[in-house]
Amino acid sequence: MAPVRAESRMNRRPGIPRLGGMKTLLGYLGFVLILGGGSGLLADRLGGFRLFGFVRVLVPDGHETVGYAALLVLGVLLAIPSARRG
C-alpha cells in the first residue's frame, strides 16, 4: 500500500466523502450511452440491425437520427468528468 501524503490529508475537509464511485458510475453510463447512440446512428443510416434494444425506448418515433445523436452527445458529456483526474 502506498503511503498517503500529508498535504492530501490536510486539504481534505472532514465529513465530505470522495466521489470516486460516482465518477466510475458516470463513466460506465456515458460509455453505454456512447455505444447505444453510435450503434443507433449506424443502424439508422446503414439499415443494419440494432445492437442495443434499449435505445428504441429512449428515442421517439420519427426522430431517430436526432435522438441517437443526442444520446451520443449525452454519453460524451457524462464520460468527460469521469476521465478527469482529481
N, C-alpha and C. Protein backbone atom coordinates (compact mmCIF):
# COMPACT_ATOMS: atom_id res chain seq x y z
N MET A 1 0.84 -1.17 0.00
CA MET A 1 0.00 0.00 0.00
C MET A 1 0.89 1.23 0.00
N ALA A 2 0.55 2.20 -0.85
CA ALA A 2 1.34 3.41 -0.97
C ALA A 2 1.06 4.34 0.21
N PRO A 3 2.10 5.02 0.68
CA PRO A 3 1.88 5.95 1.80
C PRO A 3 1.06 7.16 1.34
N VAL A 4 0.25 7.69 2.23
CA VAL A 4 -0.58 8.85 1.95
C VAL A 4 0.21 10.10 2.28
N ARG A 5 0.24 11.03 1.34
CA ARG A 5 0.99 12.26 1.58
C ARG A 5 0.26 13.11 2.60
N ALA A 6 1.03 13.84 3.38
CA ALA A 6 0.45 14.65 4.45
C ALA A 6 -0.41 15.77 3.91
N GLU A 7 -0.01 16.39 2.78
CA GLU A 7 -0.80 17.52 2.27
C GLU A 7 -2.14 17.07 1.72
N SER A 8 -2.24 15.83 1.24
CA SER A 8 -3.53 15.36 0.73
C SER A 8 -4.51 15.13 1.87
N ARG A 9 -4.02 14.75 3.04
CA ARG A 9 -4.89 14.58 4.19
C ARG A 9 -5.32 15.93 4.76
N MET A 10 -4.44 16.92 4.70
CA MET A 10 -4.75 18.22 5.27
C MET A 10 -5.73 19.01 4.40
N ASN A 11 -5.69 18.83 3.09
CA ASN A 11 -6.55 19.59 2.19
C ASN A 11 -7.97 19.05 2.15
N ARG A 12 -8.17 17.85 2.58
CA ARG A 12 -9.49 17.24 2.53
C ARG A 12 -10.30 17.63 3.76
N ARG A 13 -11.50 18.13 3.52
CA ARG A 13 -12.36 18.51 4.63
C ARG A 13 -13.00 17.28 5.25
N PRO A 14 -13.11 17.24 6.55
CA PRO A 14 -13.72 16.07 7.19
C PRO A 14 -15.22 16.03 6.91
N GLY A 15 -15.74 14.84 6.75
CA GLY A 15 -17.17 14.67 6.54
C GLY A 15 -17.60 14.69 5.09
N ILE A 16 -16.71 14.99 4.16
CA ILE A 16 -17.06 15.02 2.74
C ILE A 16 -16.46 13.77 2.09
N PRO A 17 -17.30 12.88 1.59
CA PRO A 17 -16.77 11.65 1.00
C PRO A 17 -16.13 11.92 -0.36
N ARG A 18 -15.30 11.02 -0.75
CA ARG A 18 -14.68 11.12 -2.07
C ARG A 18 -15.70 10.67 -3.11
N LEU A 19 -15.62 11.24 -4.28
CA LEU A 19 -16.60 10.96 -5.32
C LEU A 19 -16.08 10.00 -6.37
N GLY A 20 -15.17 9.14 -6.01
CA GLY A 20 -14.61 8.18 -6.96
C GLY A 20 -15.65 7.21 -7.50
N GLY A 21 -16.57 6.76 -6.64
CA GLY A 21 -17.61 5.84 -7.08
C GLY A 21 -18.58 6.48 -8.04
N MET A 22 -18.90 7.75 -7.82
CA MET A 22 -19.80 8.47 -8.71
C MET A 22 -19.15 8.68 -10.08
N LYS A 23 -17.86 8.98 -10.09
CA LYS A 23 -17.16 9.15 -11.36
C LYS A 23 -17.14 7.85 -12.15
N THR A 24 -16.96 6.75 -11.44
CA THR A 24 -16.96 5.45 -12.11
C THR A 24 -18.33 5.14 -12.70
N LEU A 25 -19.38 5.42 -11.94
CA LEU A 25 -20.74 5.19 -12.42
C LEU A 25 -21.04 6.06 -13.64
N LEU A 26 -20.66 7.33 -13.59
CA LEU A 26 -20.88 8.22 -14.73
C LEU A 26 -20.08 7.76 -15.95
N GLY A 27 -18.88 7.23 -15.70
CA GLY A 27 -18.07 6.72 -16.81
C GLY A 27 -18.73 5.54 -17.50
N TYR A 28 -19.26 4.60 -16.71
CA TYR A 28 -19.95 3.44 -17.29
C TYR A 28 -21.22 3.85 -18.03
N LEU A 29 -21.99 4.73 -17.40
CA LEU A 29 -23.22 5.19 -18.04
C LEU A 29 -22.93 5.95 -19.33
N GLY A 30 -21.91 6.79 -19.31
CA GLY A 30 -21.51 7.51 -20.51
C GLY A 30 -21.06 6.56 -21.61
N PHE A 31 -20.31 5.53 -21.24
CA PHE A 31 -19.84 4.55 -22.22
C PHE A 31 -21.00 3.82 -22.87
N VAL A 32 -21.99 3.42 -22.07
CA VAL A 32 -23.16 2.72 -22.60
C VAL A 32 -23.97 3.63 -23.52
N LEU A 33 -24.13 4.91 -23.13
CA LEU A 33 -24.86 5.84 -23.99
C LEU A 33 -24.11 6.14 -25.28
N ILE A 34 -22.79 6.22 -25.22
CA ILE A 34 -22.00 6.43 -26.44
C ILE A 34 -22.17 5.24 -27.38
N LEU A 35 -22.08 4.03 -26.83
CA LEU A 35 -22.26 2.85 -27.68
C LEU A 35 -23.68 2.76 -28.24
N GLY A 36 -24.67 3.05 -27.40
CA GLY A 36 -26.06 2.99 -27.86
C GLY A 36 -26.36 4.02 -28.93
N GLY A 37 -25.91 5.26 -28.71
CA GLY A 37 -26.14 6.32 -29.70
C GLY A 37 -25.39 6.06 -30.99
N GLY A 38 -24.15 5.60 -30.87
CA GLY A 38 -23.37 5.30 -32.07
C GLY A 38 -23.93 4.15 -32.87
N SER A 39 -24.32 3.09 -32.17
CA SER A 39 -24.89 1.94 -32.89
C SER A 39 -26.26 2.29 -33.48
N GLY A 40 -27.03 3.13 -32.79
CA GLY A 40 -28.31 3.57 -33.33
C GLY A 40 -28.14 4.41 -34.59
N LEU A 41 -27.14 5.30 -34.58
CA LEU A 41 -26.87 6.10 -35.78
C LEU A 41 -26.43 5.22 -36.94
N LEU A 42 -25.56 4.26 -36.65
CA LEU A 42 -25.11 3.36 -37.72
C LEU A 42 -26.27 2.51 -38.25
N ALA A 43 -27.10 2.00 -37.37
CA ALA A 43 -28.24 1.19 -37.82
C ALA A 43 -29.25 2.03 -38.59
N ASP A 44 -29.42 3.28 -38.18
CA ASP A 44 -30.36 4.16 -38.86
C ASP A 44 -29.86 4.54 -40.24
N ARG A 45 -28.59 4.82 -40.35
CA ARG A 45 -28.02 5.25 -41.63
C ARG A 45 -27.72 4.10 -42.57
N LEU A 46 -27.25 2.98 -42.03
CA LEU A 46 -26.83 1.87 -42.88
C LEU A 46 -27.89 0.80 -43.04
N GLY A 47 -28.95 0.87 -42.25
CA GLY A 47 -30.04 -0.09 -42.37
C GLY A 47 -29.73 -1.44 -41.75
N GLY A 48 -28.82 -1.49 -40.80
CA GLY A 48 -28.47 -2.75 -40.15
C GLY A 48 -29.37 -3.04 -38.98
N PHE A 49 -29.06 -4.13 -38.31
CA PHE A 49 -29.84 -4.47 -37.13
C PHE A 49 -29.39 -3.62 -35.95
N ARG A 50 -30.26 -3.51 -34.98
CA ARG A 50 -29.97 -2.67 -33.81
C ARG A 50 -29.28 -3.53 -32.74
N LEU A 51 -28.13 -3.05 -32.31
CA LEU A 51 -27.34 -3.78 -31.34
C LEU A 51 -27.90 -3.62 -29.93
N PHE A 52 -28.31 -2.41 -29.57
CA PHE A 52 -28.85 -2.13 -28.25
C PHE A 52 -30.34 -1.87 -28.37
N GLY A 53 -31.14 -2.69 -27.73
CA GLY A 53 -32.59 -2.55 -27.82
C GLY A 53 -33.16 -1.44 -26.97
N PHE A 54 -32.43 -1.03 -25.91
CA PHE A 54 -32.97 -0.02 -25.01
C PHE A 54 -33.05 1.36 -25.65
N VAL A 55 -32.28 1.62 -26.70
CA VAL A 55 -32.30 2.95 -27.30
C VAL A 55 -33.59 3.20 -28.07
N ARG A 56 -34.27 2.15 -28.48
CA ARG A 56 -35.56 2.35 -29.15
C ARG A 56 -36.60 2.94 -28.22
N VAL A 57 -36.49 2.61 -26.94
CA VAL A 57 -37.42 3.15 -25.95
C VAL A 57 -37.12 4.62 -25.67
N LEU A 58 -35.85 5.00 -25.71
CA LEU A 58 -35.44 6.35 -25.36
C LEU A 58 -35.64 7.36 -26.49
N VAL A 59 -35.73 6.88 -27.72
CA VAL A 59 -35.81 7.78 -28.88
C VAL A 59 -37.23 7.74 -29.45
N PRO A 60 -37.88 8.91 -29.64
CA PRO A 60 -39.24 8.92 -30.18
C PRO A 60 -39.26 8.54 -31.66
N ASP A 61 -40.37 7.96 -32.09
CA ASP A 61 -40.52 7.56 -33.49
C ASP A 61 -40.51 8.80 -34.39
N GLY A 62 -39.84 8.68 -35.51
CA GLY A 62 -39.76 9.77 -36.46
C GLY A 62 -38.60 10.71 -36.21
N HIS A 63 -37.94 10.59 -35.07
CA HIS A 63 -36.81 11.47 -34.75
C HIS A 63 -35.59 10.64 -34.36
N GLU A 64 -35.37 9.57 -35.09
CA GLU A 64 -34.31 8.64 -34.71
C GLU A 64 -32.93 9.26 -34.81
N THR A 65 -32.63 9.94 -35.90
CA THR A 65 -31.29 10.48 -36.11
C THR A 65 -30.94 11.50 -35.03
N VAL A 66 -31.85 12.41 -34.77
CA VAL A 66 -31.60 13.42 -33.74
C VAL A 66 -31.52 12.79 -32.36
N GLY A 67 -32.36 11.82 -32.09
CA GLY A 67 -32.36 11.15 -30.79
C GLY A 67 -31.08 10.38 -30.54
N TYR A 68 -30.60 9.65 -31.55
CA TYR A 68 -29.36 8.90 -31.39
C TYR A 68 -28.17 9.83 -31.25
N ALA A 69 -28.18 10.94 -31.97
CA ALA A 69 -27.11 11.93 -31.84
C ALA A 69 -27.13 12.55 -30.44
N ALA A 70 -28.33 12.79 -29.91
CA ALA A 70 -28.44 13.34 -28.55
C ALA A 70 -27.93 12.34 -27.52
N LEU A 71 -28.22 11.06 -27.70
CA LEU A 71 -27.68 10.04 -26.79
C LEU A 71 -26.16 10.00 -26.84
N LEU A 72 -25.62 10.13 -28.03
CA LEU A 72 -24.17 10.13 -28.20
C LEU A 72 -23.54 11.32 -27.49
N VAL A 73 -24.11 12.50 -27.68
CA VAL A 73 -23.58 13.71 -27.04
C VAL A 73 -23.74 13.63 -25.52
N LEU A 74 -24.87 13.13 -25.04
CA LEU A 74 -25.08 12.98 -23.61
C LEU A 74 -24.08 12.00 -23.01
N GLY A 75 -23.79 10.94 -23.72
CA GLY A 75 -22.79 9.98 -23.25
C GLY A 75 -21.41 10.59 -23.15
N VAL A 76 -21.05 11.41 -24.14
CA VAL A 76 -19.74 12.08 -24.09
C VAL A 76 -19.70 13.06 -22.92
N LEU A 77 -20.79 13.80 -22.71
CA LEU A 77 -20.82 14.75 -21.60
C LEU A 77 -20.77 14.06 -20.24
N LEU A 78 -21.32 12.88 -20.12
CA LEU A 78 -21.24 12.14 -18.87
C LEU A 78 -19.88 11.50 -18.67
N ALA A 79 -19.21 11.15 -19.75
CA ALA A 79 -17.92 10.47 -19.64
C ALA A 79 -16.76 11.45 -19.38
N ILE A 80 -16.92 12.70 -19.73
CA ILE A 80 -15.83 13.68 -19.55
C ILE A 80 -15.44 13.84 -18.09
N PRO A 81 -16.37 14.05 -17.15
CA PRO A 81 -15.93 14.21 -15.75
C PRO A 81 -15.26 12.97 -15.18
N SER A 82 -15.64 11.80 -15.65
CA SER A 82 -15.02 10.59 -15.12
C SER A 82 -13.61 10.41 -15.65
N ALA A 83 -13.29 11.01 -16.78
CA ALA A 83 -11.96 10.89 -17.34
C ALA A 83 -10.97 11.88 -16.72
N ARG A 84 -11.47 12.92 -16.09
CA ARG A 84 -10.60 13.92 -15.46
C ARG A 84 -10.03 13.38 -14.16
N ARG A 85 -8.84 13.79 -13.88
CA ARG A 85 -8.22 13.40 -12.61
C ARG A 85 -8.60 14.39 -11.54
N GLY A 86 -8.62 13.89 -10.32
CA GLY A 86 -8.87 14.83 -9.24
C GLY A 86 -9.86 14.36 -8.24
